[in-house]
Amino acid sequence: MKAKVHITLKNGVLDPQGKAVEHALLGLGFDGVGGVRQGKYIEVDLPKQSDKAKAKSQVEDMCKKLLANTVIENFSVEVVD
């Protein structure tokens, strides 16, 4: 079993990396680019887990304790076989 975790900054939180990417894209001639936000993508293998609900709950707990800063970040978890 594998969990796919997407972590993004909450709305209203400044994103200097996203702003730098936005400026770089504009500098490369990509017109019409605006509001670039950068996040994280993490894959977690769970070879001993066979229950999708338990796997999702376990990874959500990992996010709350380590993978995401829940004060400024949102996360979503998708579990696949």
C-alpha atoms as a PDB file:
ATOM      1  CA  MET A   1       0.000   0.000   0.000  1.00  0.00           C
ATOM      2  CA  LYS A   2       1.213   3.498  -0.796  1.00  0.00           C
ATOM      3  CA  ALA A   3       0.056   6.895   0.453  1.00  0.00           C
ATOM      4  CA  LYS A   4       0.399  10.045  -1.621  1.00  0.00           C
ATOM      5  CA  VAL A   5       0.543  13.227   0.435  1.00  0.00           C
ATOM      6  CA  HIS A   6       0.101  16.731  -0.974  1.00  0.00           C
ATOM      7  CA  ILE A   7       1.051  19.605   1.327  1.00  0.00           C
ATOM      8  CA  THR A   8       0.282  23.221   0.467  1.00  0.00           C
ATOM      9  CA  LEU A   9       0.434  26.520   2.274  1.00  0.00           C
ATOM     10  CA  LYS A  10      -2.853  27.793   3.659  1.00  0.00           C
ATOM     11  CA  ASN A  11      -4.471  30.757   1.935  1.00  0.00           C
ATOM     12  CA  GLY A  12      -3.073  34.026   3.249  1.00  0.00           C
ATOM     13  CA  VAL A  13       0.344  32.569   4.110  1.00  0.00           C
ATOM     14  CA  LEU A  14       3.136  34.251   2.172  1.00  0.00           C
ATOM     15  CA  ASP A  15       4.900  31.959  -0.312  1.00  0.00           C
ATOM     16  CA  PRO A  16       8.318  33.423  -1.219  1.00  0.00           C
ATOM     17  CA  GLN A  17       9.313  30.319  -3.214  1.00  0.00           C
ATOM     18  CA  GLY A  18       6.134  30.516  -5.261  1.00  0.00           C
ATOM     19  CA  LYS A  19       6.720  34.226  -5.858  1.00  0.00           C
ATOM     20  CA  ALA A  20      10.305  33.503  -7.027  1.00  0.00           C
ATOM     21  CA  VAL A  21       9.043  30.859  -9.464  1.00  0.00           C
ATOM     22  CA  GLU A  22       6.388  33.271 -10.729  1.00  0.00           C
ATOM     23  CA  HIS A  23       9.006  35.982 -11.411  1.00  0.00           C
ATOM     24  CA  ALA A  24      11.318  33.475 -13.096  1.00  0.00           C
ATOM     25  CA  LEU A  25       8.531  32.250 -15.383  1.00  0.00           C
ATOM     26  CA  LEU A  26       7.638  35.808 -16.325  1.00  0.00           C
ATOM     27  CA  GLY A  27      11.327  36.485 -16.987  1.00  0.00           C
ATOM     28  CA  LEU A  28      11.408  33.505 -19.335  1.00  0.00           C
ATOM     29  CA  GLY A  29       8.560  34.984 -21.357  1.00  0.00           C
ATOM     30  CA  PHE A  30       5.619  32.999 -19.982  1.00  0.00           C
ATOM     31  CA  ASP A  31       3.014  35.752 -20.037  1.00  0.00           C
ATOM     32  CA  GLY A  32      -0.175  35.474 -18.035  1.00  0.00           C
ATOM     33  CA  VAL A  33       1.382  33.594 -15.109  1.00  0.00           C
ATOM     34  CA  GLY A  34       0.187  34.691 -11.711  1.00  0.00           C
ATOM     35  CA  GLY A  35      -0.371  33.405  -8.230  1.00  0.00           C
ATOM     36  CA  VAL A  36       2.181  30.578  -8.256  1.00  0.00           C
ATOM     37  CA  ARG A  37       2.097  28.581  -5.012  1.00  0.00           C
ATOM     38  CA  GLN A  38       4.654  25.906  -4.190  1.00  0.00           C
ATOM     39  CA  GLY A  39       4.034  22.839  -2.058  1.00  0.00           C
ATOM     40  CA  LYS A  40       5.398  19.418  -1.204  1.00  0.00           C
ATOM     41  CA  TYR A  41       4.586  15.934  -2.457  1.00  0.00           C
ATOM     42  CA  ILE A  42       5.528  12.920  -0.338  1.00  0.00           C
ATOM     43  CA  GLU A  43       5.011   9.200  -0.991  1.00  0.00           C
ATOM     44  CA  VAL A  44       4.927   6.841   1.984  1.00  0.00           C
ATOM     45  CA  ASP A  45       5.125   3.074   1.446  1.00  0.00           C
ATOM     46  CA  LEU A  46       3.162   1.030   3.955  1.00  0.00           C
ATOM     47  CA  PRO A  47       4.025  -2.587   3.064  1.00  0.00           C
ATOM     48  CA  LYS A  48       2.585  -4.081   6.271  1.00  0.00           C
ATOM     49  CA  GLN A  49      -0.757  -2.254   6.060  1.00  0.00           C
ATOM     50  CA  SER A  50      -3.650  -3.833   4.137  1.00  0.00           C
ATOM     51  CA  ASP A  51      -6.572  -1.700   5.384  1.00  0.00           C
ATOM     52  CA  LYS A  52      -6.953   1.546   3.390  1.00  0.00           C
ATOM     53  CA  ALA A  53      -8.815   3.373   6.155  1.00  0.00           C
ATOM     54  CA  LYS A  54      -6.178   2.495   8.738  1.00  0.00           C
ATOM     55  CA  ALA A  55      -3.396   3.441   6.323  1.00  0.00           C
ATOM     56  CA  LYS A  56      -4.981   6.831   5.654  1.00  0.00           C
ATOM     57  CA  SER A  57      -5.477   7.459   9.363  1.00  0.00           C
ATOM     58  CA  GLN A  58      -1.865   6.495  10.080  1.00  0.00           C
ATOM     59  CA  VAL A  59      -0.481   8.814   7.403  1.00  0.00           C
ATOM     60  CA  GLU A  60      -2.746  11.666   8.524  1.00  0.00           C
ATOM     61  CA  ASP A  61      -1.265  11.221  11.995  1.00  0.00           C
ATOM     62  CA  MET A  62       2.236  11.343  10.457  1.00  0.00           C
ATOM     63  CA  CYS A  63       1.298  14.615   8.753  1.00  0.00           C
ATOM     64  CA  LYS A  64      -0.010  16.154  11.971  1.00  0.00           C
ATOM     65  CA  LYS A  65       3.082  15.122  13.945  1.00  0.00           C
ATOM     66  CA  LEU A  66       5.908  15.598  11.431  1.00  0.00           C
ATOM     67  CA  LEU A  67       5.274  15.937   7.707  1.00  0.00           C
ATOM     68  CA  ALA A  68       3.175  19.119   7.701  1.00  0.00           C
ATOM     69  CA  ASN A  69       3.167  22.268   9.794  1.00  0.00           C
ATOM     70  CA  THR A  70      -0.575  22.373  10.406  1.00  0.00           C
ATOM     71  CA  VAL A  71      -0.401  25.983  11.600  1.00  0.00           C
ATOM     72  CA  ILE A  72       0.454  27.219   8.095  1.00  0.00           C
ATOM     73  CA  GLU A  73      -0.057  24.176   5.833  1.00  0.00           C
ATOM     74  CA  ASN A  74      -2.944  22.047   4.592  1.00  0.00           C
ATOM     75  CA  PHE A  75      -2.481  18.421   3.568  1.00  0.00           C
ATOM     76  CA  SER A  76      -4.406  15.754   1.715  1.00  0.00           C
ATOM     77  CA  VAL A  77      -3.771  12.002   1.748  1.00  0.00           C
ATOM     78  CA  GLU A  78      -4.628   9.505  -0.982  1.00  0.00           C
ATOM     79  CA  VAL A  79      -4.034   5.791  -0.377  1.00  0.00           C
ATOM     80  CA  VAL A  80      -3.532   3.462  -3.349  1.00  0.00           C
ATOM     81  CA  ASP A  81      -2.846  -0.266  -3.618  1.00  0.00           C
END
